[in-house]
Protein backbone atom coordinates (compact mmCIF):
# COMPACT_ATOMS: atom_id res chain seq x y z
CA MET A 1 35.44 24.30 -37.20
CA SER A 2 34.21 26.36 -34.48
CA SER A 3 37.19 25.70 -30.68
CA SER A 4 34.18 25.59 -28.24
CA PRO A 5 33.27 22.49 -26.19
CA SER A 6 31.29 20.54 -26.70
CA PRO A 7 28.52 20.17 -25.25
CA ALA A 8 28.58 17.11 -21.99
CA PRO A 9 26.02 14.62 -22.67
CA GLU A 10 23.38 14.89 -20.24
CA VAL A 11 23.38 12.14 -17.92
CA ALA A 12 20.30 11.12 -16.36
CA LEU A 13 20.71 10.39 -12.74
CA SER A 14 18.03 8.06 -11.24
CA PRO A 15 18.41 5.59 -7.37
CA SER A 16 19.95 3.19 -7.63
CA LEU A 17 17.96 0.33 -6.82
CA GLY A 18 19.59 -0.94 -3.30
CA SER A 19 19.36 3.06 -2.17
CA ARG A 20 15.15 3.19 -3.55
CA ALA A 21 14.97 -0.77 -1.40
CA LEU A 22 16.76 1.59 1.67
CA GLY A 23 14.24 4.54 1.07
CA GLY A 24 11.51 1.96 1.64
CA PHE A 25 12.39 -0.24 3.53
CA GLY A 26 12.68 2.81 6.19
CA ALA A 27 9.24 4.72 5.61
CA SER A 28 8.02 1.26 7.07
CA ILE A 29 10.08 0.80 9.80
CA ILE A 30 9.24 5.00 10.42
CA GLY A 31 5.18 4.25 9.51
CA GLY A 32 4.97 1.04 11.78
CA ALA A 33 7.00 2.74 14.65
CA VAL A 34 4.96 6.06 14.51
CA LEU A 35 1.39 3.78 14.50
CA GLY A 36 3.01 2.03 17.16
CA ILE A 37 3.67 4.49 18.90
CA ALA A 38 0.46 6.43 18.59
CA ALA A 39 -1.78 2.85 19.48
CA TRP A 40 0.35 3.22 23.54
CA TRP A 41 0.12 6.53 23.57
CA THR A 42 -3.71 6.34 23.36
CA ASP A 43 -3.87 3.68 25.78
CA ARG A 44 -2.16 5.63 28.33
CA LEU A 45 -4.41 8.41 27.68
CA GLY A 46 -7.25 5.74 28.14
CA PHE A 47 -10.75 5.64 27.58
CA PRO A 48 -12.36 7.97 25.63
CA TRP A 49 -9.65 8.84 23.20
CA THR A 50 -8.81 5.21 23.09
CA ALA A 51 -12.16 5.59 21.17
CA TYR A 52 -11.69 8.87 19.53
CA ILE A 53 -7.91 7.74 18.32
CA PRO A 54 -8.80 4.41 16.95
CA ALA A 55 -5.25 3.60 16.59
CA ASN A 56 -5.19 0.07 18.17
CA ALA A 57 -7.82 -0.64 15.75
CA ILE A 58 -7.10 -4.07 13.64
CA GLY A 59 -8.16 -2.02 10.41
CA ALA A 60 -5.54 0.52 11.44
CA TRP A 61 -3.68 -1.41 11.31
CA LEU A 62 -4.76 -3.81 7.95
CA GLY A 63 -4.95 -0.12 6.63
CA LEU A 64 -1.24 1.11 7.37
CA ALA A 65 0.41 -2.65 6.06
CA PHE A 66 -1.67 -1.99 3.55
CA LEU A 67 -1.00 2.46 2.32
CA LEU A 68 2.84 0.84 1.85
CA GLY A 69 2.22 -2.14 -0.11
CA SER A 70 0.60 0.40 -2.17
CA THR A 71 3.72 2.86 -2.48
CA ALA A 72 6.54 0.02 -4.00
CA ARG A 73 7.26 -0.06 -6.95
CA THR A 74 6.59 -4.17 -7.00
CA ILE A 75 3.53 -6.71 -5.65
CA PRO A 76 6.76 -9.06 -4.12
CA THR A 77 8.31 -5.72 -2.50
CA GLY A 78 4.40 -4.33 -1.39
CA ALA A 79 4.24 -7.72 0.60
CA LEU A 80 7.68 -7.67 2.23
CA ARG A 81 6.99 -3.44 3.25
CA GLY A 82 3.70 -4.42 4.79
CA LEU A 83 5.60 -6.94 7.09
CA ILE A 84 8.06 -4.84 8.29
CA GLY A 85 5.17 -2.33 8.90
CA ILE A 86 2.79 -4.05 11.20
CA VAL A 87 6.24 -5.62 13.11
CA SER A 88 7.67 -2.63 13.36
CA ALA A 89 4.42 -1.41 15.25
CA ILE A 90 4.71 -4.14 17.15
CA ALA A 91 8.20 -3.78 18.06
CA ALA A 92 7.53 -0.40 19.38
CA TYR A 93 3.77 -1.38 21.27
CA TYR A 94 6.05 -3.90 22.87
CA LEU A 95 9.29 -2.17 23.96
CA LEU A 96 7.51 0.98 24.73
CA ASN A 97 4.84 -1.64 27.41
CA ARG A 98 7.51 -2.99 28.61
CA LEU A 99 9.83 0.47 28.92
CA PHE A 100 7.44 2.22 30.63
CA GLY A 101 4.34 0.54 31.92
CA GLU A 102 3.14 -1.60 34.86
CA GLY A 103 1.72 -4.82 36.04
CA TYR A 104 1.34 -6.97 33.22
CA ARG A 105 2.01 -4.78 30.59
CA ALA A 106 5.64 -5.02 31.66
CA SER A 107 6.35 -7.80 32.79
CA GLY A 108 4.35 -9.69 29.86
CA ALA A 109 5.83 -7.16 27.15
CA SER A 110 7.87 -9.81 25.31
CA HIS A 111 5.39 -12.80 24.86
CA ALA A 112 2.62 -10.89 23.98
CA ALA A 113 4.60 -8.91 21.20
CA THR A 114 5.85 -12.55 19.62
CA VAL A 115 2.25 -13.52 19.67
CA TRP A 116 0.79 -10.39 18.10
CA GLY A 117 4.54 -10.39 16.40
CA ALA A 118 3.76 -14.45 14.63
CA ALA A 119 0.45 -13.66 13.39
CA ALA A 120 1.64 -10.23 12.03
CA LEU A 121 3.62 -12.30 9.48
CA ILE A 122 0.50 -13.61 7.74
CA ALA A 123 -1.18 -10.89 8.32
CA GLY A 124 1.22 -7.78 6.77
CA PRO A 125 2.52 -9.97 4.15
CA VAL A 126 -1.51 -10.40 2.95
CA MET A 127 -2.29 -6.60 3.35
CA GLY A 128 1.07 -5.36 1.61
CA PHE A 129 0.67 -8.27 -1.57
CA ALA A 130 -3.23 -6.37 -1.27
CA GLY A 131 -2.38 -2.65 -1.34
CA ALA A 132 1.05 -3.47 -4.54
CA THR A 133 -1.74 -5.43 -6.63
CA TRP A 134 -4.25 -2.21 -6.33
CA ARG A 135 -1.94 -0.66 -7.41
CA HIS A 136 -0.33 -1.84 -9.82
CA GLY A 137 -2.42 -4.98 -11.34
CA ARG A 138 -5.85 -4.77 -13.17
CA GLY A 139 -9.61 -5.44 -13.68
CA TRP A 140 -10.47 -8.04 -10.92
CA PRO A 141 -7.79 -7.93 -8.89
CA ARG A 142 -8.11 -4.91 -7.90
CA GLY A 143 -11.05 -5.12 -6.97
CA VAL A 144 -10.19 -8.68 -4.99
CA ALA A 145 -7.24 -6.31 -3.05
CA VAL A 146 -9.70 -3.17 -1.96
CA ALA A 147 -12.23 -6.06 -0.86
CA MET A 148 -9.87 -7.64 1.38
CA LEU A 149 -9.71 -4.15 3.51
CA GLY A 150 -13.01 -3.09 3.56
CA ALA A 151 -14.44 -6.61 4.68
CA ALA A 152 -11.15 -6.48 7.86
CA LEU A 153 -12.87 -2.57 8.58
CA ILE A 154 -17.00 -3.57 8.07
CA ALA A 155 -15.78 -6.65 10.42
CA GLU A 156 -14.49 -4.74 12.88
CA GLY A 157 -16.95 -2.60 12.89
CA ILE A 158 -19.74 -4.74 12.85
CA VAL A 159 -17.65 -7.16 15.42
CA PHE A 160 -17.03 -5.10 17.93
CA GLY A 161 -19.82 -2.44 17.62
CA ALA A 162 -22.66 -3.41 16.24
CA GLU A 163 -23.68 -4.69 19.33
CA ARG A 164 -23.14 -0.99 21.26
CA LEU A 165 -25.17 0.24 18.59
CA ARG A 166 -28.28 -0.76 20.38
CA TYR A 167 -28.17 0.78 23.45
CA LEU A 168 -29.14 4.12 21.69
CA ASP A 169 -28.77 6.10 24.84
CA GLU A 170 -25.44 5.77 25.39
CA ILE A 171 -24.03 6.40 22.77
CA GLY A 172 -23.25 9.56 24.16
CA THR A 173 -21.36 8.06 26.53
CA ASP A 174 -19.74 5.26 24.37
CA PRO A 175 -17.95 6.90 21.56
CA GLY A 176 -16.31 2.85 20.77
CA ALA A 177 -20.22 2.23 19.40
CA VAL A 178 -19.83 5.49 16.83
CA VAL A 179 -16.52 4.68 16.06
CA GLY A 180 -17.30 1.49 14.84
CA ALA A 181 -20.62 2.26 12.66
CA ILE A 182 -17.68 4.79 11.04
CA GLU A 183 -15.37 1.94 10.60
CA ALA A 184 -17.76 -0.47 8.54
CA LEU A 185 -18.69 1.78 6.99
CA LEU A 186 -16.06 3.26 5.71
CA GLY A 187 -15.30 -0.20 4.67
CA LEU A 188 -18.57 -0.62 2.84
CA ALA A 189 -17.22 2.35 0.39
CA LEU A 190 -14.27 1.68 -0.48
CA PRO A 191 -14.42 -0.30 -3.54
CA ALA A 192 -16.15 2.43 -5.16
CA PHE A 193 -13.67 4.95 -3.89
CA LEU A 194 -10.52 3.23 -4.66
CA LEU A 195 -11.87 1.57 -8.17
CA ARG A 196 -12.58 1.98 -11.44
CA ARG A 197 -15.98 1.52 -12.24
CA GLY A 198 -15.51 -1.78 -14.44
CA GLU A 199 -14.10 -3.11 -11.91
CA ARG A 200 -16.83 -2.32 -9.36
CA LEU A 201 -18.59 -5.18 -9.80
CA ALA A 202 -16.33 -7.26 -8.88
CA GLY A 203 -14.95 -5.46 -5.46
CA TYR A 204 -18.62 -4.96 -4.16
CA VAL A 205 -18.57 -9.09 -4.69
CA ALA A 206 -15.73 -9.94 -3.09
CA LEU A 207 -16.00 -7.34 -0.67
CA ALA A 208 -19.26 -9.50 0.28
CA MET A 209 -17.46 -13.35 -0.21
CA PHE A 210 -14.99 -12.07 2.51
CA THR A 211 -17.08 -9.81 5.43
CA LEU A 212 -19.44 -13.26 5.52
CA VAL A 213 -16.15 -15.05 6.68
CA ALA A 214 -13.88 -12.20 8.48
CA VAL A 215 -17.85 -11.68 10.84
CA VAL A 216 -17.03 -15.29 11.21
CA ALA A 217 -14.33 -15.43 12.49
CA LEU A 218 -12.40 -12.06 13.48
CA GLY A 219 -14.35 -12.16 17.21
CA PRO A 220 -13.36 -16.05 17.35
CA LEU A 221 -10.03 -15.24 16.15
CA VAL A 222 -8.73 -12.07 18.04
CA SER A 223 -10.46 -14.31 21.18
CA VAL A 224 -7.44 -16.88 20.66
CA LEU A 225 -4.76 -14.71 19.89
CA ARG A 226 -5.69 -12.37 22.95
CA ALA A 227 -5.49 -16.26 25.03
CA LEU A 228 -2.67 -16.39 24.27
CA ALA A 229 -0.78 -13.17 24.15
CA ASP A 230 -1.99 -12.22 28.44
CA ARG A 231 -0.47 -16.30 29.31
CA PHE A 232 2.39 -15.99 30.19
């Protein structure tokens, strides 16, 4: 009989649920804050940098929520991460405007943050849910999830960029028109890049339907939110 001690059983060390949640939500806060800081910074730089670095674009903010949702272990958690990310971005953006802005940017920061924060309560969870569904879902739900983000990109590119592309001789002095076109093309390509071959048909059908709705609704919706945010 051997007198040497038997080896201790190997114990798999895995992070606790609490630490995983803290890490995931912490990453959402940091990611949102970085986007909010970038949006504030490009505002300070002014045109044309606001076009070259579209940190204030709707697609960038919704894309962040989708990305954060895709990193979650469950679909409900993905929705929560999307919410936390966009709310954190709004908080960072308007806090910096309050501290370092001038005129209406500083005086109206709290009110504007409340208005856009209310919108984030819907947009954040929806896009976070979509990102998590893309990662964890199967079949047509993945196509619908990707189409939601793609439609937002296409609609923003069309609504805010198509009119500017009519004046081809001015494109050299209006980079926003080119950025809008690139954004729309990116949205159109998402199903091809993010979906499996058998899911792409459902993705493009959903993309066409969502885009029609988004193109009609985006302009009026943004106008209403801006009017409410500027009323202080």
